[in-house]
N, C-alpha and C. Protein backbone atom coordinates (compact mmCIF):
# COMPACT_ATOMS: atom_id res chain seq x y z
N MET A 1 71.38 103.94 31.77
CA MET A 1 71.49 104.27 33.18
C MET A 1 72.50 105.40 33.34
N LYS A 2 72.10 106.39 34.07
CA LYS A 2 73.01 107.50 34.28
C LYS A 2 74.18 107.04 35.12
N THR A 3 75.36 107.54 34.80
CA THR A 3 76.58 107.07 35.47
C THR A 3 76.61 107.41 36.95
N MET A 4 75.84 108.40 37.38
CA MET A 4 75.86 108.76 38.80
C MET A 4 74.96 107.87 39.66
N TYR A 5 74.05 107.11 39.06
CA TYR A 5 73.11 106.29 39.85
C TYR A 5 73.81 105.26 40.74
N PRO A 6 74.82 104.55 40.23
CA PRO A 6 75.50 103.60 41.14
C PRO A 6 76.14 104.30 42.34
N GLU A 7 76.68 105.48 42.13
CA GLU A 7 77.28 106.20 43.26
C GLU A 7 76.21 106.62 44.26
N ILE A 8 75.06 107.07 43.76
CA ILE A 8 73.95 107.43 44.65
C ILE A 8 73.55 106.21 45.48
N GLY A 9 73.46 105.05 44.85
CA GLY A 9 73.12 103.82 45.56
C GLY A 9 74.13 103.48 46.63
N ARG A 10 75.41 103.61 46.31
CA ARG A 10 76.46 103.34 47.30
C ARG A 10 76.38 104.31 48.48
N ILE A 11 76.10 105.57 48.20
CA ILE A 11 76.01 106.57 49.27
C ILE A 11 74.81 106.26 50.17
N ILE A 12 73.68 105.89 49.57
CA ILE A 12 72.50 105.55 50.36
C ILE A 12 72.79 104.34 51.25
N MET A 13 73.45 103.33 50.69
CA MET A 13 73.79 102.14 51.49
C MET A 13 74.76 102.49 52.60
N ALA A 14 75.74 103.34 52.33
CA ALA A 14 76.70 103.75 53.36
C ALA A 14 76.00 104.56 54.45
N TYR A 15 75.09 105.45 54.05
CA TYR A 15 74.33 106.23 55.02
C TYR A 15 73.55 105.30 55.93
N ASP A 16 72.85 104.34 55.34
CA ASP A 16 72.04 103.39 56.12
C ASP A 16 72.91 102.63 57.12
N LYS A 17 74.04 102.14 56.65
CA LYS A 17 74.94 101.38 57.53
C LYS A 17 75.45 102.26 58.67
N ARG A 18 75.89 103.46 58.35
CA ARG A 18 76.43 104.35 59.39
C ARG A 18 75.34 104.78 60.37
N PHE A 19 74.13 105.02 59.86
CA PHE A 19 73.01 105.37 60.72
C PHE A 19 72.74 104.25 61.72
N LYS A 20 72.70 103.02 61.24
CA LYS A 20 72.41 101.88 62.11
C LYS A 20 73.51 101.67 63.15
N VAL A 21 74.76 101.83 62.75
CA VAL A 21 75.86 101.70 63.71
C VAL A 21 75.79 102.80 64.76
N PHE A 22 75.55 104.03 64.31
CA PHE A 22 75.45 105.16 65.24
C PHE A 22 74.34 104.92 66.24
N MET A 23 73.15 104.56 65.75
CA MET A 23 72.00 104.37 66.63
C MET A 23 72.21 103.16 67.55
N LYS A 24 72.81 102.11 67.02
CA LYS A 24 73.08 100.93 67.86
C LYS A 24 73.97 101.32 69.04
N ASN A 25 75.00 102.09 68.78
CA ASN A 25 75.91 102.54 69.84
C ASN A 25 75.21 103.51 70.80
N ALA A 26 74.38 104.40 70.26
CA ALA A 26 73.69 105.39 71.08
C ALA A 26 72.66 104.75 72.00
N LEU A 27 72.09 103.62 71.59
CA LEU A 27 71.02 102.98 72.36
C LEU A 27 71.46 101.72 73.09
N LYS A 28 72.76 101.43 73.01
CA LYS A 28 73.30 100.22 73.62
C LYS A 28 72.97 100.13 75.11
N GLU A 29 73.13 101.23 75.81
CA GLU A 29 72.91 101.26 77.25
C GLU A 29 71.46 100.92 77.62
N GLN A 30 70.52 101.28 76.75
CA GLN A 30 69.11 100.98 76.98
C GLN A 30 68.75 99.56 76.52
N GLY A 31 69.65 98.90 75.82
CA GLY A 31 69.39 97.56 75.32
C GLY A 31 68.42 97.53 74.14
N LEU A 32 68.31 98.64 73.43
CA LEU A 32 67.40 98.72 72.29
C LEU A 32 68.13 98.47 70.98
N THR A 33 67.47 97.80 70.06
CA THR A 33 67.99 97.68 68.70
C THR A 33 67.48 98.87 67.89
N VAL A 34 68.05 99.07 66.73
CA VAL A 34 67.61 100.16 65.85
C VAL A 34 66.17 99.92 65.44
N THR A 35 65.83 98.69 65.10
CA THR A 35 64.46 98.37 64.69
C THR A 35 63.47 98.66 65.82
N GLU A 36 63.83 98.28 67.04
CA GLU A 36 62.96 98.57 68.18
C GLU A 36 62.77 100.07 68.35
N ALA A 37 63.84 100.83 68.20
CA ALA A 37 63.75 102.28 68.32
C ALA A 37 62.84 102.86 67.23
N LEU A 38 62.93 102.35 66.01
CA LEU A 38 62.09 102.84 64.93
C LEU A 38 60.61 102.53 65.19
N VAL A 39 60.34 101.35 65.75
CA VAL A 39 58.96 101.01 66.11
C VAL A 39 58.45 101.96 67.18
N LEU A 40 59.26 102.18 68.21
CA LEU A 40 58.85 103.09 69.27
C LEU A 40 58.61 104.50 68.73
N LEU A 41 59.48 104.96 67.83
CA LEU A 41 59.29 106.28 67.23
C LEU A 41 57.95 106.37 66.49
N SER A 42 57.61 105.32 65.78
CA SER A 42 56.34 105.29 65.07
C SER A 42 55.17 105.33 66.05
N LEU A 43 55.31 104.60 67.16
CA LEU A 43 54.26 104.61 68.18
C LEU A 43 54.20 105.95 68.92
N TYR A 44 55.32 106.67 69.03
CA TYR A 44 55.28 108.00 69.64
C TYR A 44 54.44 108.93 68.77
N GLU A 45 54.55 108.77 67.46
CA GLU A 45 53.77 109.59 66.54
C GLU A 45 52.30 109.22 66.58
N THR A 46 52.01 107.90 66.57
CA THR A 46 50.64 107.41 66.59
C THR A 46 50.59 106.15 67.43
N ASP A 47 50.21 106.29 68.67
CA ASP A 47 50.09 105.13 69.55
C ASP A 47 48.85 104.33 69.15
N GLY A 48 48.93 103.02 69.33
CA GLY A 48 47.78 102.18 69.01
C GLY A 48 47.73 101.78 67.55
N GLN A 49 48.82 101.24 67.03
CA GLN A 49 48.89 100.81 65.64
C GLN A 49 48.89 99.28 65.55
N THR A 50 48.44 98.79 64.42
CA THR A 50 48.56 97.36 64.14
C THR A 50 49.96 97.07 63.62
N GLN A 51 50.32 95.79 63.58
CA GLN A 51 51.63 95.42 63.04
C GLN A 51 51.73 95.82 61.58
N ASP A 52 50.65 95.64 60.81
CA ASP A 52 50.67 96.04 59.40
C ASP A 52 50.85 97.55 59.26
N GLY A 53 50.23 98.32 60.14
CA GLY A 53 50.42 99.77 60.11
C GLY A 53 51.86 100.14 60.38
N LEU A 54 52.47 99.47 61.34
CA LEU A 54 53.88 99.73 61.64
C LEU A 54 54.76 99.32 60.47
N LEU A 55 54.43 98.19 59.84
CA LEU A 55 55.21 97.74 58.68
C LEU A 55 55.20 98.78 57.57
N SER A 56 54.07 99.41 57.36
CA SER A 56 53.98 100.38 56.26
C SER A 56 54.75 101.65 56.55
N SER A 57 55.02 101.95 57.83
CA SER A 57 55.77 103.15 58.13
C SER A 57 57.27 102.88 58.31
N ILE A 58 57.63 101.63 58.58
CA ILE A 58 59.03 101.32 58.88
C ILE A 58 59.71 100.54 57.76
N TYR A 59 58.95 99.83 56.94
CA TYR A 59 59.49 99.11 55.78
C TYR A 59 60.42 97.96 56.15
N TYR A 60 60.04 97.18 57.14
CA TYR A 60 60.73 95.93 57.46
C TYR A 60 59.83 94.79 57.05
N ASP A 61 60.39 93.58 56.94
CA ASP A 61 59.53 92.45 56.59
C ASP A 61 58.80 91.93 57.83
N LYS A 62 57.77 91.11 57.59
CA LYS A 62 56.89 90.66 58.67
C LYS A 62 57.62 89.86 59.73
N SER A 63 58.58 89.04 59.34
CA SER A 63 59.27 88.21 60.33
C SER A 63 60.12 89.06 61.27
N VAL A 64 60.81 90.06 60.73
CA VAL A 64 61.60 90.97 61.57
C VAL A 64 60.66 91.74 62.50
N MET A 65 59.54 92.20 61.97
CA MET A 65 58.60 92.97 62.78
C MET A 65 57.99 92.10 63.88
N ALA A 66 57.67 90.87 63.58
CA ALA A 66 57.10 89.98 64.60
C ALA A 66 58.09 89.77 65.75
N ARG A 67 59.35 89.52 65.43
CA ARG A 67 60.37 89.35 66.48
C ARG A 67 60.57 90.64 67.27
N THR A 68 60.54 91.75 66.59
CA THR A 68 60.71 93.04 67.25
C THR A 68 59.57 93.31 68.22
N MET A 69 58.34 93.05 67.78
CA MET A 69 57.19 93.30 68.65
C MET A 69 57.23 92.37 69.86
N GLN A 70 57.64 91.12 69.66
CA GLN A 70 57.75 90.19 70.79
C GLN A 70 58.80 90.68 71.79
N SER A 71 59.92 91.17 71.28
CA SER A 71 60.99 91.67 72.13
C SER A 71 60.54 92.90 72.92
N LEU A 72 59.89 93.83 72.25
CA LEU A 72 59.40 95.04 72.93
C LEU A 72 58.34 94.71 73.98
N GLU A 73 57.51 93.74 73.67
CA GLU A 73 56.49 93.33 74.64
C GLU A 73 57.14 92.63 75.83
N LYS A 74 58.10 91.77 75.56
CA LYS A 74 58.79 91.03 76.62
C LYS A 74 59.52 91.97 77.58
N THR A 75 60.09 93.04 77.05
CA THR A 75 60.82 94.00 77.89
C THR A 75 59.89 95.04 78.52
N GLY A 76 58.60 94.95 78.23
CA GLY A 76 57.64 95.84 78.88
C GLY A 76 57.54 97.22 78.29
N LEU A 77 58.02 97.41 77.06
CA LEU A 77 57.96 98.74 76.44
C LEU A 77 56.67 98.96 75.67
N ILE A 78 56.02 97.88 75.27
CA ILE A 78 54.73 97.96 74.60
C ILE A 78 53.83 96.86 75.17
N ASP A 79 52.55 97.03 74.95
CA ASP A 79 51.62 95.92 75.19
C ASP A 79 50.67 95.86 74.00
N ARG A 80 49.89 94.82 73.97
CA ARG A 80 48.99 94.66 72.83
C ARG A 80 47.59 94.35 73.32
N SER A 81 46.64 94.73 72.47
CA SER A 81 45.24 94.42 72.75
C SER A 81 44.62 93.90 71.46
N GLU A 82 43.52 93.21 71.62
CA GLU A 82 42.84 92.64 70.46
C GLU A 82 42.31 93.77 69.57
N ASN A 83 42.44 93.58 68.27
CA ASN A 83 41.95 94.55 67.30
C ASN A 83 40.44 94.29 67.11
N PRO A 84 39.59 95.22 67.51
CA PRO A 84 38.15 94.97 67.37
C PRO A 84 37.68 94.89 65.92
N GLU A 85 38.48 95.44 65.00
CA GLU A 85 38.11 95.41 63.59
C GLU A 85 38.59 94.15 62.89
N ASP A 86 39.55 93.45 63.47
CA ASP A 86 40.11 92.24 62.86
C ASP A 86 40.65 91.36 63.99
N LYS A 87 39.91 90.33 64.33
CA LYS A 87 40.27 89.47 65.47
C LYS A 87 41.58 88.71 65.24
N ARG A 88 42.10 88.74 64.02
CA ARG A 88 43.36 88.04 63.72
C ARG A 88 44.58 88.93 63.96
N SER A 89 44.37 90.18 64.31
CA SER A 89 45.51 91.08 64.49
C SER A 89 45.43 91.77 65.86
N TRP A 90 46.51 92.41 66.21
CA TRP A 90 46.65 93.09 67.50
C TRP A 90 46.88 94.58 67.28
N ILE A 91 46.54 95.34 68.29
CA ILE A 91 46.88 96.75 68.31
C ILE A 91 47.93 96.94 69.39
N PHE A 92 49.02 97.62 69.05
CA PHE A 92 50.15 97.79 69.95
C PHE A 92 50.14 99.21 70.54
N HIS A 93 50.39 99.27 71.85
CA HIS A 93 50.40 100.52 72.59
C HIS A 93 51.69 100.64 73.39
N LEU A 94 52.11 101.86 73.59
CA LEU A 94 53.26 102.13 74.45
C LEU A 94 52.87 101.93 75.91
N THR A 95 53.78 101.41 76.70
CA THR A 95 53.63 101.40 78.15
C THR A 95 54.32 102.66 78.69
N GLU A 96 54.21 102.88 79.98
CA GLU A 96 54.93 104.01 80.59
C GLU A 96 56.43 103.86 80.37
N ASP A 97 56.95 102.63 80.52
CA ASP A 97 58.38 102.40 80.28
C ASP A 97 58.75 102.70 78.83
N GLY A 98 57.89 102.33 77.91
CA GLY A 98 58.14 102.62 76.50
C GLY A 98 58.13 104.10 76.23
N ARG A 99 57.17 104.80 76.82
CA ARG A 99 57.08 106.25 76.65
C ARG A 99 58.31 106.94 77.24
N SER A 100 58.86 106.38 78.32
CA SER A 100 60.02 107.01 78.97
C SER A 100 61.28 106.95 78.11
N MET A 101 61.29 106.09 77.10
CA MET A 101 62.44 105.99 76.19
C MET A 101 62.47 107.10 75.14
N GLU A 102 61.35 107.79 74.98
CA GLU A 102 61.25 108.78 73.90
C GLU A 102 62.36 109.83 73.93
N PRO A 103 62.64 110.49 75.06
CA PRO A 103 63.69 111.51 75.02
C PRO A 103 65.07 110.94 74.67
N ILE A 104 65.32 109.72 75.07
CA ILE A 104 66.62 109.09 74.78
C ILE A 104 66.76 108.85 73.28
N ILE A 105 65.71 108.28 72.69
CA ILE A 105 65.73 107.98 71.25
C ILE A 105 65.77 109.27 70.43
N VAL A 106 64.95 110.23 70.79
CA VAL A 106 64.90 111.51 70.07
C VAL A 106 66.24 112.23 70.17
N ASN A 107 66.86 112.20 71.34
CA ASN A 107 68.17 112.83 71.52
C ASN A 107 69.22 112.16 70.63
N ALA A 108 69.20 110.84 70.55
CA ALA A 108 70.14 110.13 69.68
C ALA A 108 69.91 110.53 68.22
N LEU A 109 68.66 110.65 67.81
CA LEU A 109 68.36 111.07 66.43
C LEU A 109 68.82 112.50 66.17
N ARG A 110 68.65 113.37 67.14
CA ARG A 110 69.12 114.76 66.97
C ARG A 110 70.63 114.80 66.77
N LYS A 111 71.34 114.01 67.57
CA LYS A 111 72.80 113.95 67.42
C LYS A 111 73.16 113.43 66.03
N TRP A 112 72.46 112.41 65.57
CA TRP A 112 72.74 111.87 64.23
C TRP A 112 72.48 112.94 63.17
N CYS A 113 71.38 113.64 63.29
CA CYS A 113 71.03 114.65 62.29
C CYS A 113 72.05 115.78 62.26
N ARG A 114 72.54 116.19 63.43
CA ARG A 114 73.59 117.22 63.45
C ARG A 114 74.84 116.72 62.75
N LEU A 115 75.18 115.46 62.97
CA LEU A 115 76.35 114.87 62.33
C LEU A 115 76.14 114.75 60.81
N ALA A 116 75.02 114.18 60.42
CA ALA A 116 74.79 113.87 59.01
C ALA A 116 74.44 115.10 58.17
N PHE A 117 73.69 116.03 58.74
CA PHE A 117 73.17 117.15 57.95
C PHE A 117 73.79 118.48 58.35
N GLY A 118 74.85 118.41 59.14
CA GLY A 118 75.57 119.54 59.69
C GLY A 118 75.29 120.92 59.16
N ASP A 119 75.82 121.29 58.01
CA ASP A 119 75.71 122.66 57.52
C ASP A 119 74.63 122.84 56.45
N MET A 120 73.73 121.88 56.35
CA MET A 120 72.66 121.96 55.36
C MET A 120 71.63 123.00 55.82
N ASP A 121 71.25 123.93 54.93
CA ASP A 121 70.24 124.91 55.31
C ASP A 121 68.84 124.34 55.08
N ASP A 122 67.81 125.07 55.51
CA ASP A 122 66.43 124.58 55.44
C ASP A 122 66.00 124.29 54.00
N GLY A 123 66.42 125.13 53.07
CA GLY A 123 66.07 124.90 51.66
C GLY A 123 66.66 123.61 51.13
N GLU A 124 67.91 123.36 51.46
CA GLU A 124 68.55 122.11 51.03
C GLU A 124 67.88 120.90 51.68
N ALA A 125 67.53 121.04 52.96
CA ALA A 125 66.86 119.95 53.66
C ALA A 125 65.50 119.66 53.04
N ARG A 126 64.74 120.70 52.71
CA ARG A 126 63.43 120.51 52.05
C ARG A 126 63.59 119.83 50.70
N GLN A 127 64.60 120.22 49.94
CA GLN A 127 64.85 119.61 48.63
C GLN A 127 65.24 118.14 48.78
N LEU A 128 66.09 117.85 49.75
CA LEU A 128 66.47 116.46 50.00
C LEU A 128 65.25 115.63 50.38
N LEU A 129 64.42 116.16 51.26
CA LEU A 129 63.21 115.45 51.67
C LEU A 129 62.29 115.20 50.48
N ALA A 130 62.11 116.19 49.64
CA ALA A 130 61.26 116.02 48.45
C ALA A 130 61.84 114.95 47.52
N THR A 131 63.14 114.96 47.35
CA THR A 131 63.79 113.96 46.49
C THR A 131 63.63 112.56 47.08
N MET A 132 63.85 112.43 48.39
CA MET A 132 63.73 111.11 49.03
C MET A 132 62.29 110.61 48.99
N ARG A 133 61.33 111.51 49.17
CA ARG A 133 59.91 111.12 49.06
C ARG A 133 59.60 110.64 47.64
N GLY A 134 60.16 111.32 46.65
CA GLY A 134 59.97 110.89 45.26
C GLY A 134 60.55 109.50 45.02
N ILE A 135 61.74 109.26 45.54
CA ILE A 135 62.36 107.94 45.40
C ILE A 135 61.50 106.89 46.08
N GLN A 136 61.04 107.18 47.30
CA GLN A 136 60.19 106.22 48.03
C GLN A 136 58.90 105.95 47.26
N SER A 137 58.31 106.97 46.68
CA SER A 137 57.09 106.79 45.89
C SER A 137 57.35 105.91 44.67
N ASN A 138 58.47 106.15 43.99
CA ASN A 138 58.82 105.31 42.84
C ASN A 138 58.97 103.85 43.25
N ILE A 139 59.62 103.63 44.38
CA ILE A 139 59.83 102.25 44.86
C ILE A 139 58.48 101.62 45.19
N SER A 140 57.66 102.34 45.92
CA SER A 140 56.35 101.80 46.34
C SER A 140 55.47 101.46 45.13
N GLU A 141 55.50 102.30 44.13
CA GLU A 141 54.67 102.09 42.93
C GLU A 141 55.15 100.90 42.11
N ASN A 142 56.43 100.57 42.21
CA ASN A 142 57.00 99.53 41.36
C ASN A 142 57.49 98.31 42.12
N GLU A 143 57.08 98.12 43.37
CA GLU A 143 57.56 97.00 44.18
C GLU A 143 57.19 95.65 43.63
N SER A 144 56.08 95.55 42.94
CA SER A 144 55.62 94.24 42.45
C SER A 144 56.38 93.77 41.22
N GLU A 145 57.17 94.63 40.64
CA GLU A 145 57.92 94.25 39.42
C GLU A 145 59.11 93.39 39.73
């Protein structure tokens, strides 16, 4: 094992923790959790997703996602309809109230990105993205091990 791998792991964990704290504070006034914001972001990109579709883009476990979807539905930010392709699942859609949260969430993310990636140029950002995609691909390919 390369000696730098543990440090990379610690940095990734610290980034994740700081990101969640930042977003929690930024969205406190709206009463949104970080997980709820991530679900809404995914629905902003593609409205009308199943819970499994959302799970594959957000990487949370099913129990967390089920509670999150119930919370978002209860607060009127999403609604659900029967999935015509699979009667055992639902398709989730944004409501007008859910759609109205988009600028707030996007603004919070922009502030985070300015903080976290401050002086990084486009080339460095592209390289980081390529590296992170490679790491995600490695994890996805080897999850069953």
